Amino acid sequence: MRARGLLIVLAILVLTAIAGLGYLGLYPPNPPAKPVQKTLPNDKFQAR
């Protein structure tokens, strides 16, 4: 009887994890918005 209770708890945990992953798959979190920094070429100190 003890093993049966453990299997039920384990099955509930697995189903909860699957439901959580499914929810994240349907509604993924938005990535944080960051400004894009553009690098400018440094022609001032180049040898000509």
N, C-alpha and C. Protein backbone atom coordinates (compact mmCIF):
# COMPACT_ATOMS: atom_id res chain seq x y z
N MET A 1 0.82 -1.19 0.00
CA MET A 1 0.00 0.00 0.00
C MET A 1 0.86 1.25 0.00
N ARG A 2 2.03 1.18 0.64
CA ARG A 2 2.91 2.33 0.71
C ARG A 2 3.50 2.67 -0.66
N ALA A 3 3.83 1.63 -1.42
CA ALA A 3 4.39 1.83 -2.75
C ALA A 3 3.35 2.46 -3.68
N ARG A 4 2.10 2.10 -3.50
CA ARG A 4 1.03 2.65 -4.35
C ARG A 4 0.87 4.15 -4.09
N GLY A 5 0.94 4.57 -2.84
CA GLY A 5 0.86 6.00 -2.50
C GLY A 5 2.03 6.78 -3.07
N LEU A 6 3.21 6.16 -3.03
CA LEU A 6 4.40 6.81 -3.59
C LEU A 6 4.26 6.97 -5.10
N LEU A 7 3.71 5.96 -5.77
CA LEU A 7 3.52 6.05 -7.21
C LEU A 7 2.48 7.12 -7.57
N ILE A 8 1.46 7.27 -6.75
CA ILE A 8 0.45 8.29 -7.02
C ILE A 8 1.07 9.68 -6.87
N VAL A 9 1.86 9.89 -5.83
CA VAL A 9 2.52 11.18 -5.63
C VAL A 9 3.49 11.45 -6.76
N LEU A 10 4.23 10.45 -7.18
CA LEU A 10 5.18 10.61 -8.28
C LEU A 10 4.45 10.93 -9.58
N ALA A 11 3.32 10.29 -9.82
CA ALA A 11 2.53 10.57 -11.03
C ALA A 11 1.99 11.99 -11.00
N ILE A 12 1.56 12.46 -9.85
CA ILE A 12 1.07 13.84 -9.74
C ILE A 12 2.20 14.83 -10.01
N LEU A 13 3.39 14.56 -9.50
CA LEU A 13 4.54 15.44 -9.75
C LEU A 13 4.91 15.47 -11.23
N VAL A 14 4.90 14.32 -11.88
CA VAL A 14 5.24 14.25 -13.31
C VAL A 14 4.20 15.00 -14.14
N LEU A 15 2.92 14.81 -13.82
CA LEU A 15 1.86 15.51 -14.55
C LEU A 15 1.94 17.02 -14.34
N THR A 16 2.27 17.45 -13.14
CA THR A 16 2.43 18.87 -12.86
C THR A 16 3.61 19.45 -13.66
N ALA A 17 4.71 18.73 -13.73
CA ALA A 17 5.87 19.19 -14.50
C ALA A 17 5.54 19.28 -15.98
N ILE A 18 4.82 18.29 -16.50
CA ILE A 18 4.43 18.31 -17.92
C ILE A 18 3.49 19.48 -18.20
N ALA A 19 2.55 19.72 -17.29
CA ALA A 19 1.63 20.85 -17.47
C ALA A 19 2.37 22.18 -17.41
N GLY A 20 3.34 22.29 -16.52
CA GLY A 20 4.14 23.52 -16.42
C GLY A 20 4.96 23.77 -17.67
N LEU A 21 5.57 22.72 -18.20
CA LEU A 21 6.35 22.87 -19.44
C LEU A 21 5.44 23.19 -20.63
N GLY A 22 4.27 22.60 -20.65
CA GLY A 22 3.32 22.92 -21.71
C GLY A 22 2.87 24.36 -21.65
N TYR A 23 2.63 24.87 -20.43
CA TYR A 23 2.24 26.27 -20.28
C TYR A 23 3.35 27.20 -20.74
N LEU A 24 4.61 26.87 -20.38
CA LEU A 24 5.74 27.70 -20.84
C LEU A 24 5.91 27.62 -22.35
N GLY A 25 5.57 26.49 -22.95
CA GLY A 25 5.65 26.36 -24.40
C GLY A 25 4.60 27.20 -25.11
N LEU A 26 3.40 27.27 -24.52
CA LEU A 26 2.34 28.06 -25.14
C LEU A 26 2.50 29.55 -24.88
N TYR A 27 2.96 29.91 -23.70
CA TYR A 27 3.10 31.32 -23.31
C TYR A 27 4.52 31.56 -22.80
N PRO A 28 5.50 31.67 -23.69
CA PRO A 28 6.88 31.87 -23.24
C PRO A 28 7.05 33.26 -22.63
N PRO A 29 7.96 33.42 -21.67
CA PRO A 29 8.18 34.73 -21.07
C PRO A 29 8.84 35.67 -22.08
N ASN A 30 8.50 36.94 -21.98
CA ASN A 30 9.09 37.94 -22.88
C ASN A 30 10.52 38.23 -22.46
N PRO A 31 11.46 38.26 -23.41
CA PRO A 31 12.84 38.58 -23.04
C PRO A 31 12.94 40.06 -22.67
N PRO A 32 13.86 40.42 -21.80
CA PRO A 32 14.00 41.83 -21.44
C PRO A 32 14.52 42.64 -22.63
N ALA A 33 13.94 43.82 -22.81
CA ALA A 33 14.35 44.69 -23.93
C ALA A 33 15.63 45.42 -23.56
N LYS A 34 16.61 45.36 -24.45
CA LYS A 34 17.90 46.03 -24.24
C LYS A 34 18.18 46.92 -25.44
N PRO A 35 18.72 48.10 -25.22
CA PRO A 35 19.10 48.94 -26.37
C PRO A 35 20.29 48.32 -27.11
N VAL A 36 20.27 48.46 -28.41
CA VAL A 36 21.36 47.92 -29.24
C VAL A 36 22.45 48.97 -29.34
N GLN A 37 23.67 48.57 -29.01
CA GLN A 37 24.79 49.50 -29.10
C GLN A 37 25.56 49.18 -30.38
N LYS A 38 25.61 50.18 -31.25
CA LYS A 38 26.30 49.99 -32.52
C LYS A 38 27.74 50.47 -32.37
N THR A 39 28.69 49.64 -32.79
CA THR A 39 30.09 50.04 -32.74
C THR A 39 30.43 50.83 -33.99
N LEU A 40 31.13 51.93 -33.78
CA LEU A 40 31.53 52.78 -34.91
C LEU A 40 32.98 52.48 -35.27
N PRO A 41 33.31 52.52 -36.56
CA PRO A 41 34.70 52.27 -36.93
C PRO A 41 35.60 53.42 -36.47
N ASN A 42 36.79 53.08 -36.01
CA ASN A 42 37.74 54.07 -35.53
C ASN A 42 38.77 54.34 -36.63
N ASP A 43 38.44 55.27 -37.52
CA ASP A 43 39.35 55.60 -38.63
C ASP A 43 40.34 56.69 -38.24
N LYS A 44 40.21 57.27 -37.08
CA LYS A 44 41.05 58.39 -36.70
C LYS A 44 42.51 57.99 -36.52
N PHE A 45 42.75 56.82 -35.97
CA PHE A 45 44.11 56.39 -35.65
C PHE A 45 44.62 55.32 -36.61
N GLN A 46 44.01 55.17 -37.74
CA GLN A 46 44.46 54.18 -38.73
C GLN A 46 45.62 54.76 -39.56
N ALA A 47 46.58 53.93 -39.90
CA ALA A 47 47.67 54.37 -40.78
C ALA A 47 47.15 54.47 -42.21
N ARG A 48 47.56 55.51 -42.87
CA ARG A 48 47.09 55.71 -44.26
C ARG A 48 48.13 55.33 -45.26
